Amino acid sequence: MSSCKTTNSEGFFMYKQATELMLNFKDRILIKGEEDTGKSTLLTEIRISDSDSRYYNFKTLNSAGYNRLCDENIDNFDFLNTPEKTLILDGVRLCEKKMTSKVIRLIKQARKYHKRLVVVADSCESEFIELLFDGVIALSFNSDRERSCNVYTPSRHRNTDNIYAR
C-alpha cells in the first residue's frame, strides 16, 4: 500500500494526482502532513525523474544542532547557487510565522534563480505559507487511521473543499 493510497477509488485518484503534481509542476510544491503520514515515503515512491535535482534530508543532516531546516541554520547552505535546478528540502520548519523569515525568503527567491522547490513540512507549521506554492500535497490520517491524500493548488483551494474530489 502506497503512502498516499487509501482503500477506496478516491484514494487511488489522489495518489495519481500527487504523482502528476510532483512530476509535472515546474515551480514550488509543498508536501505537508502530520508526523508519520508518509511525506518522505511519498518522495521515495514517486522518485522524481529529474536528474538535475538535489535531495536534502534535514532530519539526518543535523546542521548546527538542528534536525530541520530553519532560520537558525539556513545560512549553512547555499541553495540558490547550487548547480541543480530542483531542490528537495525534506524537513523544513518555519521557526516563526513571519513572512520575513529566512526560510520564507528562500521560498520566494527560488523562482528568480530558476529553481524548482519541493518543500516537506509539518501541517501545523505550513498552513500560512501555502499561497507561496503552486501545488500542495496534504497527507493525513482518516478516522480509521488509514493514510489519505489531498492534492490542490492553494488559490483554488480557498474557494472549494477539494478541487480533485470528483
N, C-alpha and C. Protein backbone atom coordinates (compact mmCIF):
# COMPACT_ATOMS: atom_id res chain seq x y z
N MET A 1 0.84 -1.19 0.00
CA MET A 1 0.00 0.00 0.00
C MET A 1 0.88 1.24 0.00
N SER A 2 0.63 2.11 -0.89
CA SER A 2 1.38 3.33 -1.04
C SER A 2 1.05 4.33 0.06
N SER A 3 1.99 5.23 0.32
CA SER A 3 1.78 6.18 1.41
C SER A 3 0.60 7.11 1.16
N CYS A 4 0.22 7.30 -0.07
CA CYS A 4 -0.84 8.25 -0.39
C CYS A 4 -2.14 7.54 -0.75
N LYS A 5 -2.14 6.23 -0.75
CA LYS A 5 -3.34 5.50 -1.14
C LYS A 5 -4.22 5.22 0.07
N THR A 6 -5.50 5.19 -0.17
CA THR A 6 -6.44 4.65 0.79
C THR A 6 -7.12 3.48 0.11
N THR A 7 -8.01 2.82 0.79
CA THR A 7 -8.60 1.61 0.23
C THR A 7 -9.68 1.88 -0.80
N ASN A 8 -10.12 3.10 -0.97
CA ASN A 8 -11.19 3.38 -1.93
C ASN A 8 -10.63 3.98 -3.22
N SER A 9 -11.48 4.10 -4.23
CA SER A 9 -11.03 4.61 -5.52
C SER A 9 -10.63 6.08 -5.45
N GLU A 10 -11.24 6.84 -4.56
CA GLU A 10 -10.86 8.25 -4.42
C GLU A 10 -9.42 8.36 -3.94
N GLY A 11 -9.00 7.47 -3.03
CA GLY A 11 -7.63 7.47 -2.55
C GLY A 11 -6.64 7.20 -3.67
N PHE A 12 -6.96 6.25 -4.54
CA PHE A 12 -6.10 5.96 -5.68
C PHE A 12 -6.02 7.18 -6.59
N PHE A 13 -7.15 7.84 -6.80
CA PHE A 13 -7.18 9.04 -7.64
C PHE A 13 -6.28 10.12 -7.04
N MET A 14 -6.33 10.28 -5.72
CA MET A 14 -5.50 11.29 -5.06
C MET A 14 -4.02 10.95 -5.22
N TYR A 15 -3.67 9.66 -5.10
CA TYR A 15 -2.28 9.26 -5.27
C TYR A 15 -1.82 9.60 -6.69
N LYS A 16 -2.67 9.35 -7.66
CA LYS A 16 -2.34 9.67 -9.05
C LYS A 16 -2.15 11.18 -9.21
N GLN A 17 -3.02 11.97 -8.57
CA GLN A 17 -2.89 13.43 -8.64
C GLN A 17 -1.58 13.88 -8.00
N ALA A 18 -1.21 13.28 -6.87
CA ALA A 18 0.05 13.64 -6.20
C ALA A 18 1.23 13.32 -7.11
N THR A 19 1.20 12.17 -7.75
CA THR A 19 2.27 11.79 -8.66
C THR A 19 2.37 12.76 -9.83
N GLU A 20 1.24 13.09 -10.43
CA GLU A 20 1.24 14.04 -11.55
C GLU A 20 1.75 15.41 -11.13
N LEU A 21 1.35 15.85 -9.95
CA LEU A 21 1.81 17.15 -9.46
C LEU A 21 3.33 17.14 -9.31
N MET A 22 3.86 16.10 -8.68
CA MET A 22 5.30 16.02 -8.45
C MET A 22 6.08 15.96 -9.77
N LEU A 23 5.56 15.25 -10.74
CA LEU A 23 6.30 15.06 -11.98
C LEU A 23 6.13 16.22 -12.97
N ASN A 24 5.02 16.95 -12.90
CA ASN A 24 4.72 17.93 -13.93
C ASN A 24 4.85 19.39 -13.51
N PHE A 25 4.70 19.71 -12.24
CA PHE A 25 4.83 21.10 -11.83
C PHE A 25 6.29 21.51 -11.88
N LYS A 26 6.56 22.66 -12.41
CA LYS A 26 7.94 23.10 -12.60
C LYS A 26 8.38 24.13 -11.57
N ASP A 27 7.54 24.48 -10.64
CA ASP A 27 7.91 25.51 -9.68
C ASP A 27 7.90 24.96 -8.25
N ARG A 28 7.11 25.54 -7.39
CA ARG A 28 7.18 25.23 -5.96
C ARG A 28 6.04 24.30 -5.54
N ILE A 29 6.42 23.22 -4.88
CA ILE A 29 5.45 22.24 -4.39
C ILE A 29 5.66 22.07 -2.89
N LEU A 30 4.57 22.05 -2.15
CA LEU A 30 4.60 21.81 -0.71
C LEU A 30 3.99 20.44 -0.43
N ILE A 31 4.72 19.63 0.32
CA ILE A 31 4.18 18.37 0.83
C ILE A 31 4.07 18.55 2.33
N LYS A 32 2.84 18.44 2.85
CA LYS A 32 2.64 18.69 4.27
C LYS A 32 1.86 17.54 4.88
N GLY A 33 2.02 17.38 6.18
CA GLY A 33 1.28 16.34 6.88
C GLY A 33 1.78 16.17 8.29
N GLU A 34 0.96 15.51 9.08
CA GLU A 34 1.34 15.20 10.45
C GLU A 34 2.51 14.23 10.44
N GLU A 35 3.14 14.06 11.59
CA GLU A 35 4.23 13.10 11.72
C GLU A 35 3.75 11.70 11.35
N ASP A 36 4.57 10.97 10.63
CA ASP A 36 4.31 9.58 10.22
C ASP A 36 3.19 9.41 9.20
N THR A 37 2.83 10.46 8.48
CA THR A 37 1.81 10.29 7.43
C THR A 37 2.42 9.85 6.11
N GLY A 38 3.73 9.82 6.00
CA GLY A 38 4.37 9.31 4.80
C GLY A 38 4.90 10.36 3.84
N LYS A 39 5.24 11.54 4.35
CA LYS A 39 5.73 12.61 3.48
C LYS A 39 7.03 12.21 2.78
N SER A 40 7.99 11.75 3.55
CA SER A 40 9.28 11.34 2.97
C SER A 40 9.12 10.09 2.11
N THR A 41 8.24 9.20 2.53
CA THR A 41 7.99 7.98 1.76
C THR A 41 7.41 8.33 0.39
N LEU A 42 6.53 9.31 0.34
CA LEU A 42 5.96 9.75 -0.93
C LEU A 42 7.06 10.20 -1.89
N LEU A 43 8.02 10.95 -1.38
CA LEU A 43 9.14 11.38 -2.23
C LEU A 43 9.88 10.18 -2.80
N THR A 44 10.11 9.18 -1.97
CA THR A 44 10.82 7.98 -2.40
C THR A 44 10.02 7.21 -3.44
N GLU A 45 8.73 7.07 -3.22
CA GLU A 45 7.89 6.29 -4.13
C GLU A 45 7.73 6.95 -5.49
N ILE A 46 7.61 8.24 -5.51
CA ILE A 46 7.41 8.93 -6.78
C ILE A 46 8.72 9.00 -7.56
N ARG A 47 9.82 9.08 -6.84
CA ARG A 47 11.14 9.13 -7.47
C ARG A 47 11.18 10.16 -8.59
N ILE A 48 11.31 11.39 -8.22
CA ILE A 48 11.36 12.46 -9.20
C ILE A 48 12.42 12.11 -10.25
N SER A 49 12.00 12.07 -11.49
CA SER A 49 12.89 11.63 -12.57
C SER A 49 13.78 12.76 -13.09
N ASP A 50 13.87 13.81 -12.35
CA ASP A 50 14.70 14.95 -12.71
C ASP A 50 16.15 14.64 -12.30
N SER A 51 17.01 14.37 -13.27
CA SER A 51 18.40 14.06 -12.95
C SER A 51 19.14 15.29 -12.45
N ASP A 52 18.52 16.44 -12.62
CA ASP A 52 19.11 17.70 -12.19
C ASP A 52 18.51 18.13 -10.85
N SER A 53 18.51 17.19 -9.88
CA SER A 53 17.91 17.51 -8.58
C SER A 53 18.87 17.17 -7.46
N ARG A 54 18.63 17.79 -6.33
CA ARG A 54 19.42 17.52 -5.12
C ARG A 54 18.46 17.38 -3.95
N TYR A 55 18.64 16.29 -3.21
CA TYR A 55 17.77 15.96 -2.07
C TYR A 55 18.50 16.27 -0.77
N TYR A 56 17.87 17.07 0.07
CA TYR A 56 18.40 17.40 1.39
C TYR A 56 17.46 16.79 2.42
N ASN A 57 17.95 15.86 3.22
CA ASN A 57 17.15 15.28 4.29
C ASN A 57 17.63 15.89 5.60
N PHE A 58 16.96 16.93 6.03
CA PHE A 58 17.40 17.67 7.21
C PHE A 58 17.22 16.90 8.51
N LYS A 59 16.42 15.84 8.47
CA LYS A 59 16.25 15.02 9.67
C LYS A 59 17.55 14.29 10.00
N THR A 60 18.37 14.03 8.99
CA THR A 60 19.63 13.32 9.21
C THR A 60 20.85 14.23 9.07
N LEU A 61 20.71 15.39 8.45
CA LEU A 61 21.85 16.29 8.28
C LEU A 61 22.32 16.89 9.60
N ASN A 62 21.39 17.19 10.50
CA ASN A 62 21.70 17.76 11.81
C ASN A 62 22.66 18.94 11.71
N SER A 63 22.30 19.90 10.90
CA SER A 63 23.12 21.09 10.69
C SER A 63 23.01 22.04 11.88
N ALA A 64 24.14 22.39 12.44
CA ALA A 64 24.22 23.33 13.57
C ALA A 64 23.35 22.89 14.74
N GLY A 65 23.22 21.58 14.92
CA GLY A 65 22.45 21.06 16.04
C GLY A 65 20.95 20.99 15.81
N TYR A 66 20.49 21.28 14.60
CA TYR A 66 19.06 21.24 14.29
C TYR A 66 18.79 20.09 13.32
N ASN A 67 17.67 19.39 13.52
CA ASN A 67 17.32 18.31 12.60
C ASN A 67 16.20 18.74 11.65
N ARG A 68 16.08 20.01 11.42
CA ARG A 68 15.14 20.61 10.47
C ARG A 68 15.84 21.80 9.83
N LEU A 69 15.40 22.19 8.64
CA LEU A 69 15.87 23.44 8.06
C LEU A 69 15.05 24.55 8.69
N CYS A 70 15.73 25.52 9.28
CA CYS A 70 15.04 26.63 9.94
C CYS A 70 15.90 27.88 9.83
N ASP A 71 15.40 28.99 10.32
CA ASP A 71 16.12 30.25 10.24
C ASP A 71 17.49 30.18 10.91
N GLU A 72 17.62 29.36 11.95
CA GLU A 72 18.87 29.28 12.70
C GLU A 72 20.00 28.58 11.93
N ASN A 73 19.68 27.71 10.97
CA ASN A 73 20.75 27.00 10.26
C ASN A 73 20.73 27.20 8.74
N ILE A 74 19.81 27.97 8.23
CA ILE A 74 19.70 28.12 6.77
C ILE A 74 20.94 28.76 6.15
N ASP A 75 21.66 29.58 6.90
CA ASP A 75 22.86 30.22 6.36
C ASP A 75 24.00 29.23 6.13
N ASN A 76 23.88 28.01 6.62
CA ASN A 76 24.89 26.98 6.39
C ASN A 76 24.79 26.37 5.00
N PHE A 77 23.77 26.75 4.24
CA PHE A 77 23.53 26.18 2.92
C PHE A 77 23.44 27.30 1.89
N ASP A 78 23.92 27.01 0.69
CA ASP A 78 23.87 27.97 -0.40
C ASP A 78 22.95 27.42 -1.49
N PHE A 79 21.67 27.31 -1.18
CA PHE A 79 20.71 26.67 -2.06
C PHE A 79 20.60 27.33 -3.43
N LEU A 80 20.57 28.64 -3.46
CA LEU A 80 20.29 29.34 -4.71
C LEU A 80 21.45 29.30 -5.69
N ASN A 81 22.64 28.94 -5.23
CA ASN A 81 23.79 28.87 -6.11
C ASN A 81 24.24 27.44 -6.41
N THR A 82 23.44 26.45 -6.06
CA THR A 82 23.78 25.08 -6.41
C THR A 82 23.52 24.87 -7.89
N PRO A 83 24.27 23.97 -8.52
CA PRO A 83 24.06 23.75 -9.96
C PRO A 83 22.74 23.05 -10.28
N GLU A 84 22.19 22.30 -9.33
CA GLU A 84 20.95 21.57 -9.57
C GLU A 84 19.77 22.52 -9.66
N LYS A 85 18.85 22.20 -10.57
CA LYS A 85 17.66 23.03 -10.76
C LYS A 85 16.57 22.71 -9.74
N THR A 86 16.40 21.44 -9.40
CA THR A 86 15.36 21.02 -8.46
C THR A 86 15.97 20.77 -7.10
N LEU A 87 15.44 21.45 -6.09
CA LEU A 87 15.90 21.27 -4.71
C LEU A 87 14.77 20.65 -3.91
N ILE A 88 15.04 19.50 -3.32
CA ILE A 88 14.05 18.81 -2.50
C ILE A 88 14.48 19.00 -1.05
N LEU A 89 13.71 19.77 -0.31
CA LEU A 89 14.03 20.12 1.08
C LEU A 89 13.10 19.36 2.01
N ASP A 90 13.58 18.25 2.54
CA ASP A 90 12.78 17.36 3.38
C ASP A 90 13.07 17.67 4.84
N GLY A 91 12.09 18.21 5.53
CA GLY A 91 12.24 18.54 6.94
C GLY A 91 12.41 20.03 7.16
N VAL A 92 11.52 20.82 6.60
CA VAL A 92 11.58 22.27 6.76
C VAL A 92 10.70 22.67 7.93
N ARG A 93 11.26 23.49 8.80
CA ARG A 93 10.49 24.01 9.94
C ARG A 93 10.49 25.52 9.86
N LEU A 94 9.33 26.07 9.94
CA LEU A 94 9.21 27.52 9.95
C LEU A 94 9.24 27.96 11.40
N CYS A 95 10.36 28.54 11.79
CA CYS A 95 10.58 28.89 13.19
C CYS A 95 9.64 29.98 13.67
N GLU A 96 9.35 30.90 12.80
CA GLU A 96 8.44 31.99 13.14
C GLU A 96 7.42 32.11 12.03
N LYS A 97 6.22 32.41 12.39
CA LYS A 97 5.18 32.58 11.36
C LYS A 97 5.20 34.02 10.86
N LYS A 98 6.35 34.37 10.29
CA LYS A 98 6.51 35.72 9.74
C LYS A 98 6.94 35.59 8.29
N MET A 99 6.37 36.40 7.46
CA MET A 99 6.73 36.37 6.05
C MET A 99 8.14 36.91 5.81
N THR A 100 8.81 37.41 6.84
CA THR A 100 10.17 37.92 6.69
C THR A 100 11.23 36.91 7.12
N SER A 101 10.85 35.71 7.48
CA SER A 101 11.84 34.73 7.92
C SER A 101 12.75 34.33 6.76
N LYS A 102 13.93 33.82 7.08
CA LYS A 102 14.89 33.43 6.06
C LYS A 102 14.37 32.28 5.21
N VAL A 103 13.66 31.36 5.81
CA VAL A 103 13.10 30.23 5.06
C VAL A 103 12.07 30.72 4.06
N ILE A 104 11.21 31.63 4.48
CA ILE A 104 10.20 32.22 3.58
C ILE A 104 10.90 32.96 2.44
N ARG A 105 11.95 33.69 2.76
CA ARG A 105 12.70 34.42 1.74
C ARG A 105 13.26 33.45 0.69
N LEU A 106 13.78 32.31 1.13
CA LEU A 106 14.29 31.31 0.20
C LEU A 106 13.17 30.80 -0.72
N ILE A 107 12.02 30.51 -0.14
CA ILE A 107 10.89 30.02 -0.94
C ILE A 107 10.49 31.05 -1.99
N LYS A 108 10.47 32.31 -1.62
CA LYS A 108 10.09 33.38 -2.55
C LYS A 108 11.15 33.58 -3.64
N GLN A 109 12.43 33.48 -3.28
CA GLN A 109 13.51 33.78 -4.22
C GLN A 109 13.82 32.64 -5.18
N ALA A 110 13.40 31.44 -4.88
CA ALA A 110 13.77 30.27 -5.68
C ALA A 110 13.40 30.45 -7.16
N ARG A 111 12.24 30.97 -7.43
CA ARG A 111 11.80 31.13 -8.82
C ARG A 111 12.71 32.10 -9.58
N LYS A 112 13.15 33.17 -8.92
CA LYS A 112 14.04 34.13 -9.58
C LYS A 112 15.35 33.49 -10.00
N TYR A 113 15.77 32.47 -9.27
CA TYR A 113 17.01 31.77 -9.56
C TYR A 113 16.77 30.52 -10.42
N HIS A 114 15.57 30.40 -10.96
CA HIS A 114 15.17 29.27 -11.81
C HIS A 114 15.31 27.94 -11.09
N LYS A 115 14.93 27.92 -9.83
CA LYS A 115 14.97 26.71 -9.02
C LYS A 115 13.56 26.18 -8.83
N ARG A 116 13.43 24.89 -8.93
CA ARG A 116 12.17 24.21 -8.59
C ARG A 116 12.34 23.72 -7.16
N LEU A 117 11.40 24.07 -6.30
CA LEU A 117 11.47 23.67 -4.89
C LEU A 117 10.39 22.65 -4.57
N VAL A 118 10.78 21.60 -3.87
CA VAL A 118 9.83 20.68 -3.27
C VAL A 118 10.12 20.75 -1.78
N VAL A 119 9.18 21.29 -1.01
CA VAL A 119 9.37 21.52 0.42
C VAL A 119 8.48 20.57 1.19
N VAL A 120 9.08 19.88 2.16
CA VAL A 120 8.34 18.95 3.02
C VAL A 120 8.29 19.56 4.42
N ALA A 121 7.08 19.77 4.95
CA ALA A 121 6.90 20.43 6.24
C ALA A 121 5.75 19.80 7.01
N ASP A 122 5.74 20.03 8.31
CA ASP A 122 4.63 19.57 9.14
C ASP A 122 3.42 20.45 8.90
N SER A 123 2.24 19.87 8.98
CA SER A 123 1.00 20.61 8.71
C SER A 123 0.84 21.83 9.59
N CYS A 124 1.07 21.67 10.87
CA CYS A 124 0.79 22.77 11.79
C CYS A 124 1.68 23.97 11.52
N GLU A 125 2.80 23.76 10.85
CA GLU A 125 3.72 24.86 10.59
C GLU A 125 3.63 25.41 9.18
N SER A 126 2.82 24.80 8.33
CA SER A 126 2.88 25.16 6.91
C SER A 126 1.65 25.89 6.37
N GLU A 127 0.56 25.91 7.10
CA GLU A 127 -0.69 26.44 6.56
C GLU A 127 -0.59 27.89 6.11
N PHE A 128 0.15 28.70 6.83
CA PHE A 128 0.18 30.12 6.49
C PHE A 128 1.04 30.43 5.27
N ILE A 129 1.82 29.48 4.77
CA ILE A 129 2.65 29.75 3.60
C ILE A 129 2.15 29.08 2.33
N GLU A 130 1.02 28.38 2.39
CA GLU A 130 0.54 27.64 1.23
C GLU A 130 0.44 28.49 -0.03
N LEU A 131 0.05 29.74 0.10
CA LEU A 131 -0.13 30.58 -1.08
C LEU A 131 1.18 30.88 -1.81
N LEU A 132 2.32 30.56 -1.21
CA LEU A 132 3.60 30.72 -1.88
C LEU A 132 3.89 29.58 -2.84
N PHE A 133 3.06 28.55 -2.83
CA PHE A 133 3.31 27.35 -3.61
C PHE A 133 2.32 27.22 -4.76
N ASP A 134 2.78 26.53 -5.81
CA ASP A 134 1.94 26.29 -6.98
C ASP A 134 1.07 25.06 -6.80
N GLY A 135 1.49 24.16 -5.94
CA GLY A 135 0.73 22.95 -5.67
C GLY A 135 1.01 22.44 -4.27
N VAL A 136 0.01 21.81 -3.67
CA VAL A 136 0.13 21.28 -2.31
C VAL A 136 -0.34 19.83 -2.30
N ILE A 137 0.44 18.99 -1.62
CA ILE A 137 0.04 17.61 -1.35
C ILE A 137 -0.09 17.52 0.16
N ALA A 138 -1.30 17.31 0.65
CA ALA A 138 -1.56 17.24 2.09
C ALA A 138 -1.84 15.78 2.47
N LEU A 139 -1.01 15.24 3.33
CA LEU A 139 -1.16 13.86 3.80
C LEU A 139 -1.71 13.88 5.21
N SER A 140 -2.60 12.94 5.51
CA SER A 140 -3.20 12.88 6.84
C SER A 140 -3.68 11.46 7.10
N PHE A 141 -4.21 11.26 8.29
CA PHE A 141 -4.85 10.01 8.64
C PHE A 141 -6.35 10.24 8.66
N ASN A 142 -7.13 9.29 8.13
CA ASN A 142 -8.58 9.41 8.23
C ASN A 142 -9.03 8.80 9.56
N SER A 143 -10.32 8.71 9.77
CA SER A 143 -10.85 8.23 11.05
C SER A 143 -10.47 6.78 11.34
N ASP A 144 -10.15 5.99 10.31
CA ASP A 144 -9.74 4.60 10.50
C ASP A 144 -8.22 4.46 10.57
N ARG A 145 -7.51 5.56 10.70
CA ARG A 145 -6.05 5.61 10.75
C ARG A 145 -5.40 5.14 9.45
N GLU A 146 -6.15 5.21 8.35
CA GLU A 146 -5.57 4.96 7.04
C GLU A 146 -5.00 6.27 6.53
N ARG A 147 -3.92 6.19 5.80
CA ARG A 147 -3.36 7.40 5.22
C ARG A 147 -4.25 7.90 4.10
N SER A 148 -4.42 9.20 4.03
CA SER A 148 -5.18 9.79 2.94
C SER A 148 -4.39 10.96 2.37
N CYS A 149 -4.80 11.38 1.19
CA CYS A 149 -4.05 12.38 0.45
C CYS A 149 -5.01 13.36 -0.21
N ASN A 150 -4.67 14.63 -0.14
CA ASN A 150 -5.45 15.68 -0.78
C ASN A 150 -4.48 16.51 -1.61
N VAL A 151 -4.77 16.71 -2.87
CA VAL A 151 -3.90 17.45 -3.78
C VAL A 151 -4.67 18.67 -4.28
N TYR A 152 -4.04 19.84 -4.20
CA TYR A 152 -4.73 21.04 -4.66
C TYR A 152 -3.75 22.16 -4.97
N THR A 153 -4.25 23.16 -5.67
CA THR A 153 -3.50 24.39 -5.85
C THR A 153 -4.08 25.39 -4.85
N PRO A 154 -3.24 26.05 -4.08
CA PRO A 154 -3.74 26.89 -2.97
C PRO A 154 -4.75 27.96 -3.36
N SER A 155 -4.58 28.63 -4.48
CA SER A 155 -5.52 29.70 -4.83
C SER A 155 -6.91 29.14 -5.11
N ARG A 156 -6.99 27.97 -5.73
CA ARG A 156 -8.29 27.34 -5.97
C ARG A 156 -8.86 26.75 -4.70
N HIS A 157 -7.98 26.22 -3.86
CA HIS A 157 -8.43 25.53 -2.64
C HIS A 157 -9.20 26.47 -1.71
N ARG A 158 -8.88 27.74 -1.75
CA ARG A 158 -9.57 28.68 -0.88
C ARG A 158 -11.05 28.81 -1.25
N ASN A 159 -11.41 28.45 -2.49
CA ASN A 159 -12.79 28.59 -2.94
C ASN A 159 -13.57 27.28 -2.94
N THR A 160 -12.92 26.18 -2.69
CA THR A 160 -13.59 24.89 -2.72
C THR A 160 -12.92 23.94 -1.75
N ASP A 161 -13.64 22.93 -1.31
CA ASP A 161 -13.09 21.99 -0.35
C ASP A 161 -11.98 21.14 -0.95
N ASN A 162 -12.19 20.63 -2.15
CA ASN A 162 -11.21 19.75 -2.75
C ASN A 162 -11.43 19.75 -4.26
N ILE A 163 -10.55 20.39 -5.01
CA ILE A 163 -10.78 20.54 -6.45
C ILE A 163 -10.65 19.24 -7.21
N TYR A 164 -10.02 18.23 -6.63
CA TYR A 164 -9.83 16.96 -7.33
C TYR A 164 -10.74 15.86 -6.79
N ALA A 165 -11.72 16.20 -6.02
CA ALA A 165 -12.53 15.18 -5.34
C ALA A 165 -13.36 14.34 -6.30
N ARG A 166 -13.75 14.83 -7.41
CA ARG A 166 -14.62 14.05 -8.30
C ARG A 166 -14.00 13.86 -9.66
